[in-house]
């Protein structure tokens, strides 16, 4: 996850709009000192390093385990499945 700019402004706008929870890049945790204390106390802030962490927070249920991908069937212009490609 890449850091974002304008963390304070983004959180102020979110709070004004009634959004009380945010997922943010871990690298922005150092910028939290700029955010007003009342916002830090009222909002639930999640600092993450990867999209996997974002999905765990954002989705209501855990992601299902996905089996390893096998060959992908090729589709020609007539939408007919032909031999599998690797």
PDB file of N, CA and C in Angstrom:
ATOM      1  N   UNK A   1       0.837  -1.165   0.000  1.00  0.00           N
ATOM      2  CA  UNK A   1       0.000   0.000   0.000  1.00  0.00           C
ATOM      3  C   UNK A   1       0.890   1.239   0.000  1.00  0.00           C
ATOM      4  N   UNK A   2       0.611   2.135  -0.900  1.00  0.00           N
ATOM      5  CA  UNK A   2       1.375   3.370  -0.984  1.00  0.00           C
ATOM      6  C   UNK A   2       0.760   4.439  -0.086  1.00  0.00           C
ATOM      7  N   UNK A   3       1.581   5.325   0.463  1.00  0.00           N
ATOM      8  CA  UNK A   3       1.041   6.376   1.320  1.00  0.00           C
ATOM      9  C   UNK A   3       0.190   7.363   0.520  1.00  0.00           C
ATOM     10  N   UNK A   4      -0.715   8.040   1.219  1.00  0.00           N
ATOM     11  CA  UNK A   4      -1.566   9.037   0.585  1.00  0.00           C
ATOM     12  C   UNK A   4      -1.177  10.418   1.090  1.00  0.00           C
ATOM     13  N   UNK A   5      -1.541  11.444   0.357  1.00  0.00           N
ATOM     14  CA  UNK A   5      -1.320  12.813   0.795  1.00  0.00           C
ATOM     15  C   UNK A   5      -2.609  13.388   1.348  1.00  0.00           C
ATOM     16  N   UNK A   6      -2.486  14.410   2.171  1.00  0.00           N
ATOM     17  CA  UNK A   6      -3.660  15.090   2.691  1.00  0.00           C
ATOM     18  C   UNK A   6      -4.490  14.255   3.641  1.00  0.00           C
ATOM     19  N   UNK A   7      -3.838  13.466   4.479  1.00  0.00           N
ATOM     20  CA  UNK A   7      -4.562  12.582   5.399  1.00  0.00           C
ATOM     21  C   UNK A   7      -5.531  13.367   6.285  1.00  0.00           C
ATOM     22  N   UNK A   8      -5.045  14.455   6.888  1.00  0.00           N
ATOM     23  CA  UNK A   8      -5.887  15.249   7.781  1.00  0.00           C
ATOM     24  C   UNK A   8      -7.150  15.726   7.067  1.00  0.00           C
ATOM     25  N   UNK A   9      -6.994  16.271   5.873  1.00  0.00           N
ATOM     26  CA  UNK A   9      -8.124  16.801   5.121  1.00  0.00           C
ATOM     27  C   UNK A   9      -9.105  15.697   4.737  1.00  0.00           C
ATOM     28  N   UNK A  10      -8.583  14.557   4.336  1.00  0.00           N
ATOM     29  CA  UNK A  10      -9.443  13.435   3.945  1.00  0.00           C
ATOM     30  C   UNK A  10     -10.256  12.924   5.134  1.00  0.00           C
ATOM     31  N   UNK A  11      -9.600  12.827   6.292  1.00  0.00           N
ATOM     32  CA  UNK A  11     -10.309  12.344   7.478  1.00  0.00           C
ATOM     33  C   UNK A  11     -11.330  13.369   7.974  1.00  0.00           C
ATOM     34  N   UNK A  12     -11.003  14.650   7.893  1.00  0.00           N
ATOM     35  CA  UNK A  12     -11.965  15.690   8.272  1.00  0.00           C
ATOM     36  C   UNK A  12     -13.204  15.620   7.384  1.00  0.00           C
ATOM     37  N   UNK A  13     -12.993  15.469   6.073  1.00  0.00           N
ATOM     38  CA  UNK A  13     -14.117  15.379   5.131  1.00  0.00           C
ATOM     39  C   UNK A  13     -14.946  14.123   5.389  1.00  0.00           C
ATOM     40  N   UNK A  14     -14.279  12.999   5.641  1.00  0.00           N
ATOM     41  CA  UNK A  14     -14.994  11.754   5.925  1.00  0.00           C
ATOM     42  C   UNK A  14     -15.835  11.907   7.196  1.00  0.00           C
ATOM     43  N   UNK A  15     -15.261  12.475   8.217  1.00  0.00           N
ATOM     44  CA  UNK A  15     -15.963  12.670   9.493  1.00  0.00           C
ATOM     45  C   UNK A  15     -17.177  13.571   9.295  1.00  0.00           C
ATOM     46  N   UNK A  16     -17.002  14.657   8.540  1.00  0.00           N
ATOM     47  CA  UNK A  16     -18.129  15.564   8.252  1.00  0.00           C
ATOM     48  C   UNK A  16     -19.244  14.847   7.518  1.00  0.00           C
ATOM     49  N   UNK A  17     -18.880  13.874   6.676  1.00  0.00           N
ATOM     50  CA  UNK A  17     -19.872  13.117   5.901  1.00  0.00           C
ATOM     51  C   UNK A  17     -20.475  11.964   6.710  1.00  0.00           C
ATOM     52  N   UNK A  18     -20.036  11.788   7.958  1.00  0.00           N
ATOM     53  CA  UNK A  18     -20.595  10.732   8.798  1.00  0.00           C
ATOM     54  C   UNK A  18     -19.859   9.410   8.706  1.00  0.00           C
ATOM     55  N   UNK A  19     -18.738   9.381   8.032  1.00  0.00           N
ATOM     56  CA  UNK A  19     -17.934   8.158   7.936  1.00  0.00           C
ATOM     57  C   UNK A  19     -17.056   8.091   9.178  1.00  0.00           C
ATOM     58  N   UNK A  20     -17.203   7.029   9.941  1.00  0.00           N
ATOM     59  CA  UNK A  20     -16.492   6.937  11.212  1.00  0.00           C
ATOM     60  C   UNK A  20     -15.417   5.849  11.241  1.00  0.00           C
ATOM     61  N   UNK A  21     -15.149   5.248  10.090  1.00  0.00           N
ATOM     62  CA  UNK A  21     -14.131   4.198  10.019  1.00  0.00           C
ATOM     63  C   UNK A  21     -13.400   4.348   8.701  1.00  0.00           C
ATOM     64  N   UNK A  22     -12.062   4.203   8.739  1.00  0.00           N
ATOM     65  CA  UNK A  22     -11.265   4.350   7.521  1.00  0.00           C
ATOM     66  C   UNK A  22     -10.123   3.343   7.521  1.00  0.00           C
ATOM     67  N   UNK A  23      -9.783   2.872   6.329  1.00  0.00           N
ATOM     68  CA  UNK A  23      -8.651   1.982   6.126  1.00  0.00           C
ATOM     69  C   UNK A  23      -7.582   2.804   5.418  1.00  0.00           C
ATOM     70  N   UNK A  24      -6.399   2.851   6.011  1.00  0.00           N
ATOM     71  CA  UNK A  24      -5.340   3.726   5.526  1.00  0.00           C
ATOM     72  C   UNK A  24      -4.018   2.983   5.396  1.00  0.00           C
ATOM     73  N   UNK A  25      -3.129   3.471   4.519  1.00  0.00           N
ATOM     74  CA  UNK A  25      -1.809   2.843   4.403  1.00  0.00           C
ATOM     75  C   UNK A  25      -1.012   2.980   5.703  1.00  0.00           C
ATOM     76  N   UNK A  26      -0.303   1.946   6.086  1.00  0.00           N
ATOM     77  CA  UNK A  26       0.494   1.945   7.313  1.00  0.00           C
ATOM     78  C   UNK A  26       1.524   3.074   7.303  1.00  0.00           C
ATOM     79  N   UNK A  27       2.037   3.418   6.153  1.00  0.00           N
ATOM     80  CA  UNK A  27       3.047   4.480   6.059  1.00  0.00           C
ATOM     81  C   UNK A  27       2.491   5.838   6.473  1.00  0.00           C
ATOM     82  N   UNK A  28       1.171   5.997   6.504  1.00  0.00           N
ATOM     83  CA  UNK A  28       0.558   7.263   6.903  1.00  0.00           C
ATOM     84  C   UNK A  28       0.341   7.375   8.416  1.00  0.00           C
ATOM     85  N   UNK A  29       0.668   6.331   9.155  1.00  0.00           N
ATOM     86  CA  UNK A  29       0.464   6.382  10.599  1.00  0.00           C
ATOM     87  C   UNK A  29       1.279   7.518  11.229  1.00  0.00           C
ATOM     88  N   UNK A  30       2.420   7.819  10.639  1.00  0.00           N
ATOM     89  CA  UNK A  30       3.265   8.907  11.141  1.00  0.00           C
ATOM     90  C   UNK A  30       2.584  10.265  10.999  1.00  0.00           C
ATOM     91  N   UNK A  31       1.623  10.400  10.078  1.00  0.00           N
ATOM     92  CA  UNK A  31       0.919  11.661   9.842  1.00  0.00           C
ATOM     93  C   UNK A  31      -0.252  11.870  10.797  1.00  0.00           C
ATOM     94  N   UNK A  32      -0.518  10.899  11.636  1.00  0.00           N
ATOM     95  CA  UNK A  32      -1.671  10.957  12.537  1.00  0.00           C
ATOM     96  C   UNK A  32      -1.575  12.119  13.526  1.00  0.00           C
ATOM     97  N   UNK A  33      -0.368  12.575  13.830  1.00  0.00           N
ATOM     98  CA  UNK A  33      -0.187  13.690  14.764  1.00  0.00           C
ATOM     99  C   UNK A  33      -0.850  14.967  14.248  1.00  0.00           C
ATOM    100  N   UNK A  34      -1.001  15.085  12.924  1.00  0.00           N
ATOM    101  CA  UNK A  34      -1.620  16.269  12.319  1.00  0.00           C
ATOM    102  C   UNK A  34      -3.150  16.253  12.448  1.00  0.00           C
ATOM    103  N   UNK A  35      -3.716  15.083  12.699  1.00  0.00           N
ATOM    104  CA  UNK A  35      -5.171  14.924  12.767  1.00  0.00           C
ATOM    105  C   UNK A  35      -5.651  15.345  14.159  1.00  0.00           C
ATOM    106  N   UNK A  36      -6.698  16.175  14.241  1.00  0.00           N
ATOM    107  CA  UNK A  36      -7.202  16.602  15.547  1.00  0.00           C
ATOM    108  C   UNK A  36      -7.532  15.410  16.454  1.00  0.00           C
ATOM    109  N   UNK A  37      -7.245  15.601  17.753  1.00  0.00           N
ATOM    110  CA  UNK A  37      -7.416  14.519  18.720  1.00  0.00           C
ATOM    111  C   UNK A  37      -8.848  13.999  18.768  1.00  0.00           C
ATOM    112  N   UNK A  38      -9.848  14.906  18.680  1.00  0.00           N
ATOM    113  CA  UNK A  38     -11.236  14.438  18.744  1.00  0.00           C
ATOM    114  C   UNK A  38     -11.559  13.504  17.578  1.00  0.00           C
ATOM    115  N   UNK A  39     -10.967  13.760  16.409  1.00  0.00           N
ATOM    116  CA  UNK A  39     -11.178  12.880  15.256  1.00  0.00           C
ATOM    117  C   UNK A  39     -10.523  11.523  15.502  1.00  0.00           C
ATOM    118  N   UNK A  40      -9.312  11.538  16.040  1.00  0.00           N
ATOM    119  CA  UNK A  40      -8.603  10.275  16.309  1.00  0.00           C
ATOM    120  C   UNK A  40      -9.381   9.427  17.307  1.00  0.00           C
ATOM    121  N   UNK A  41     -10.055  10.069  18.256  1.00  0.00           N
ATOM    122  CA  UNK A  41     -10.814   9.321  19.269  1.00  0.00           C
ATOM    123  C   UNK A  41     -12.149   8.830  18.731  1.00  0.00           C
ATOM    124  N   UNK A  42     -12.801   9.636  17.887  1.00  0.00           N
ATOM    125  CA  UNK A  42     -14.141   9.285  17.394  1.00  0.00           C
ATOM    126  C   UNK A  42     -14.111   8.305  16.229  1.00  0.00           C
ATOM    127  N   UNK A  43     -13.071   8.353  15.416  1.00  0.00           N
ATOM    128  CA  UNK A  43     -13.011   7.500  14.227  1.00  0.00           C
ATOM    129  C   UNK A  43     -12.221   6.230  14.520  1.00  0.00           C
ATOM    130  N   UNK A  44     -12.616   5.166  13.867  1.00  0.00           N
ATOM    131  CA  UNK A  44     -11.873   3.908  13.950  1.00  0.00           C
ATOM    132  C   UNK A  44     -10.961   3.864  12.724  1.00  0.00           C
ATOM    133  N   UNK A  45      -9.664   3.911  12.964  1.00  0.00           N
ATOM    134  CA  UNK A  45      -8.687   3.956  11.872  1.00  0.00           C
ATOM    135  C   UNK A  45      -7.899   2.646  11.826  1.00  0.00           C
ATOM    136  N   UNK A  46      -7.839   2.065  10.646  1.00  0.00           N
ATOM    137  CA  UNK A  46      -7.089   0.820  10.429  1.00  0.00           C
ATOM    138  C   UNK A  46      -5.898   1.155   9.539  1.00  0.00           C
ATOM    139  N   UNK A  47      -4.689   0.857   9.992  1.00  0.00           N
ATOM    140  CA  UNK A  47      -3.497   1.073   9.174  1.00  0.00           C
ATOM    141  C   UNK A  47      -3.029  -0.284   8.658  1.00  0.00           C
ATOM    142  N   UNK A  48      -2.913  -0.398   7.337  1.00  0.00           N
ATOM    143  CA  UNK A  48      -2.633  -1.691   6.708  1.00  0.00           C
ATOM    144  C   UNK A  48      -1.418  -1.616   5.780  1.00  0.00           C
ATOM    145  N   UNK A  49      -0.825  -2.796   5.551  1.00  0.00           N
ATOM    146  CA  UNK A  49       0.322  -2.917   4.657  1.00  0.00           C
ATOM    147  C   UNK A  49      -0.023  -3.577   3.335  1.00  0.00           C
ATOM    148  N   UNK A  50      -1.153  -4.296   3.275  1.00  0.00           N
ATOM    149  CA  UNK A  50      -1.455  -5.053   2.059  1.00  0.00           C
ATOM    150  C   UNK A  50      -2.958  -5.051   1.754  1.00  0.00           C
ATOM    151  N   UNK A  51      -3.278  -5.391   0.509  1.00  0.00           N
ATOM    152  CA  UNK A  51      -4.686  -5.489   0.110  1.00  0.00           C
ATOM    153  C   UNK A  51      -5.387  -6.625   0.843  1.00  0.00           C
ATOM    154  N   UNK A  52      -4.667  -7.661   1.216  1.00  0.00           N
ATOM    155  CA  UNK A  52      -5.274  -8.751   1.984  1.00  0.00           C
ATOM    156  C   UNK A  52      -5.847  -8.215   3.300  1.00  0.00           C
ATOM    157  N   UNK A  53      -5.105  -7.313   3.942  1.00  0.00           N
ATOM    158  CA  UNK A  53      -5.585  -6.710   5.188  1.00  0.00           C
ATOM    159  C   UNK A  53      -6.810  -5.840   4.931  1.00  0.00           C
ATOM    160  N   UNK A  54      -6.810  -5.111   3.829  1.00  0.00           N
ATOM    161  CA  UNK A  54      -7.955  -4.269   3.461  1.00  0.00           C
ATOM    162  C   UNK A  54      -9.194  -5.137   3.302  1.00  0.00           C
ATOM    163  N   UNK A  55      -9.057  -6.241   2.581  1.00  0.00           N
ATOM    164  CA  UNK A  55     -10.199  -7.126   2.342  1.00  0.00           C
ATOM    165  C   UNK A  55     -10.707  -7.755   3.638  1.00  0.00           C
ATOM    166  N   UNK A  56      -9.801  -8.121   4.533  1.00  0.00           N
ATOM    167  CA  UNK A  56     -10.225  -8.693   5.817  1.00  0.00           C
ATOM    168  C   UNK A  56     -11.064  -7.695   6.607  1.00  0.00           C
ATOM    169  N   UNK A  57     -10.700  -6.433   6.531  1.00  0.00           N
ATOM    170  CA  UNK A  57     -11.437  -5.399   7.260  1.00  0.00           C
ATOM    171  C   UNK A  57     -12.747  -5.065   6.554  1.00  0.00           C
ATOM    172  N   UNK A  58     -12.700  -4.948   5.233  1.00  0.00           N
ATOM    173  CA  UNK A  58     -13.842  -4.452   4.467  1.00  0.00           C
ATOM    174  C   UNK A  58     -14.948  -5.488   4.259  1.00  0.00           C
ATOM    175  N   UNK A  59     -14.595  -6.748   4.187  1.00  0.00           N
ATOM    176  CA  UNK A  59     -15.605  -7.775   3.924  1.00  0.00           C
ATOM    177  C   UNK A  59     -16.197  -8.299   5.213  1.00  0.00           C
ATOM    178  N   UNK A  60     -17.470  -8.634   5.158  1.00  0.00           N
ATOM    179  CA  UNK A  60     -18.163  -9.122   6.346  1.00  0.00           C
ATOM    180  C   UNK A  60     -17.740 -10.533   6.738  1.00  0.00           C
ATOM    181  N   UNK A  61     -17.322 -11.329   5.759  1.00  0.00           N
ATOM    182  CA  UNK A  61     -16.925 -12.700   6.020  1.00  0.00           C
ATOM    183  C   UNK A  61     -15.512 -12.906   5.494  1.00  0.00           C
ATOM    184  N   UNK A  62     -14.784 -13.857   6.055  1.00  0.00           N
ATOM    185  CA  UNK A  62     -13.439 -14.134   5.543  1.00  0.00           C
ATOM    186  C   UNK A  62     -13.498 -14.593   4.089  1.00  0.00           C
ATOM    187  N   UNK A  63     -12.449 -14.336   3.358  1.00  0.00           N
ATOM    188  CA  UNK A  63     -12.367 -14.789   1.973  1.00  0.00           C
ATOM    189  C   UNK A  63     -12.253 -16.304   1.930  1.00  0.00           C
ATOM    190  N   UNK A  64     -12.932 -16.954   0.979  1.00  0.00           N
ATOM    191  CA  UNK A  64     -12.792 -18.410   0.861  1.00  0.00           C
ATOM    192  C   UNK A  64     -11.414 -18.761   0.314  1.00  0.00           C
ATOM    193  N   UNK A  65     -10.960 -19.926   0.648  1.00  0.00           N
ATOM    194  CA  UNK A  65      -9.696 -20.400   0.092  1.00  0.00           C
ATOM    195  C   UNK A  65      -9.889 -20.663  -1.398  1.00  0.00           C
ATOM    196  N   UNK A  66      -8.966 -20.194  -2.205  1.00  0.00           N
ATOM    197  CA  UNK A  66      -9.059 -20.372  -3.647  1.00  0.00           C
ATOM    198  C   UNK A  66      -8.037 -21.427  -4.060  1.00  0.00           C
ATOM    199  N   UNK A  67      -8.484 -22.496  -4.744  1.00  0.00           N
ATOM    200  CA  UNK A  67      -7.521 -23.517  -5.179  1.00  0.00           C
ATOM    201  C   UNK A  67      -6.582 -22.944  -6.236  1.00  0.00           C
ATOM    202  N   UNK A  68      -5.440 -23.579  -6.381  1.00  0.00           N
ATOM    203  CA  UNK A  68      -4.477 -23.151  -7.397  1.00  0.00           C
ATOM    204  C   UNK A  68      -5.142 -23.198  -8.765  1.00  0.00           C
ATOM    205  N   UNK A  69      -4.858 -22.195  -9.569  1.00  0.00           N
ATOM    206  CA  UNK A  69      -5.475 -22.090 -10.897  1.00  0.00           C
ATOM    207  C   UNK A  69      -4.920 -23.165 -11.823  1.00  0.00           C
ATOM    208  N   UNK A  70      -5.803 -23.759 -12.592  1.00  0.00           N
ATOM    209  CA  UNK A  70      -5.410 -24.740 -13.598  1.00  0.00           C
ATOM    210  C   UNK A  70      -5.332 -24.058 -14.955  1.00  0.00           C
ATOM    211  N   UNK A  71      -5.307 -24.827 -16.026  1.00  0.00           N
ATOM    212  CA  UNK A  71      -5.260 -24.242 -17.360  1.00  0.00           C
ATOM    213  C   UNK A  71      -6.513 -23.407 -17.640  1.00  0.00           C
ATOM    214  N   UNK A  72      -6.341 -22.333 -18.374  1.00  0.00           N
ATOM    215  CA  UNK A  72      -7.455 -21.450 -18.731  1.00  0.00           C
ATOM    216  C   UNK A  72      -7.927 -21.810 -20.132  1.00  0.00           C
ATOM    217  N   UNK A  73      -9.233 -22.134 -20.289  1.00  0.00           N
ATOM    218  CA  UNK A  73      -9.709 -22.468 -21.632  1.00  0.00           C
ATOM    219  C   UNK A  73      -9.655 -21.234 -22.535  1.00  0.00           C
ATOM    220  N   UNK A  74      -9.229 -21.438 -23.757  1.00  0.00           N
ATOM    221  CA  UNK A  74      -9.186 -20.341 -24.726  1.00  0.00           C
ATOM    222  C   UNK A  74     -10.549 -20.226 -25.399  1.00  0.00           C
ATOM    223  N   UNK A  75     -10.966 -19.002 -25.688  1.00  0.00           N
ATOM    224  CA  UNK A  75     -12.240 -18.774 -26.374  1.00  0.00           C
ATOM    225  C   UNK A  75     -11.941 -18.035 -27.659  1.00  0.00           C
ATOM    226  N   UNK A  76     -12.424 -18.602 -28.771  1.00  0.00           N
ATOM    227  CA  UNK A  76     -12.172 -17.959 -30.064  1.00  0.00           C
ATOM    228  C   UNK A  76     -13.246 -16.900 -30.323  1.00  0.00           C
ATOM    229  N   UNK A  77     -13.136 -16.127 -31.412  1.00  0.00           N
ATOM    230  CA  UNK A  77     -14.102 -15.053 -31.666  1.00  0.00           C
ATOM    231  C   UNK A  77     -15.561 -15.514 -31.747  1.00  0.00           C
ATOM    232  N   UNK A  78     -15.820 -16.771 -32.044  1.00  0.00           N
ATOM    233  CA  UNK A  78     -17.196 -17.275 -32.112  1.00  0.00           C
ATOM    234  C   UNK A  78     -17.667 -17.766 -30.743  1.00  0.00           C
ATOM    235  N   UNK A  79     -16.921 -17.433 -29.673  1.00  0.00           N
ATOM    236  CA  UNK A  79     -17.233 -17.838 -28.303  1.00  0.00           C
ATOM    237  C   UNK A  79     -17.280 -19.348 -28.130  1.00  0.00           C
ATOM    238  N   UNK A  80     -16.461 -20.059 -28.891  1.00  0.00           N
ATOM    239  CA  UNK A  80     -16.356 -21.505 -28.737  1.00  0.00           C
ATOM    240  C   UNK A  80     -15.089 -21.801 -27.938  1.00  0.00           C
ATOM    241  N   UNK A  81     -15.216 -22.683 -26.960  1.00  0.00           N
ATOM    242  CA  UNK A  81     -14.073 -23.057 -26.155  1.00  0.00           C
ATOM    243  C   UNK A  81     -13.190 -24.005 -26.945  1.00  0.00           C
ATOM    244  N   UNK A  82     -11.922 -23.697 -26.992  1.00  0.00           N
ATOM    245  CA  UNK A  82     -10.967 -24.553 -27.697  1.00  0.00           C
ATOM    246  C   UNK A  82     -10.031 -25.146 -26.667  1.00  0.00           C
ATOM    247  N   UNK A  83      -8.900 -25.694 -27.107  1.00  0.00           N
ATOM    248  CA  UNK A  83      -7.986 -26.336 -26.166  1.00  0.00           C
ATOM    249  C   UNK A  83      -7.486 -25.351 -25.110  1.00  0.00           C
ATOM    250  N   UNK A  84      -7.150 -25.882 -23.973  1.00  0.00           N
ATOM    251  CA  UNK A  84      -6.710 -25.054 -22.849  1.00  0.00           C
ATOM    252  C   UNK A  84      -5.333 -24.485 -23.123  1.00  0.00           C
ATOM    253  N   UNK A  85      -5.111 -23.266 -22.664  1.00  0.00           N
ATOM    254  CA  UNK A  85      -3.785 -22.659 -22.776  1.00  0.00           C
ATOM    255  C   UNK A  85      -3.197 -22.545 -21.386  1.00  0.00           C
ATOM    256  N   UNK A  86      -1.914 -22.526 -21.282  1.00  0.00           N
ATOM    257  CA  UNK A  86      -1.230 -22.463 -19.978  1.00  0.00           C
ATOM    258  C   UNK A  86      -0.923 -21.051 -19.594  1.00  0.00           C
TER     259      UNK A  86
END
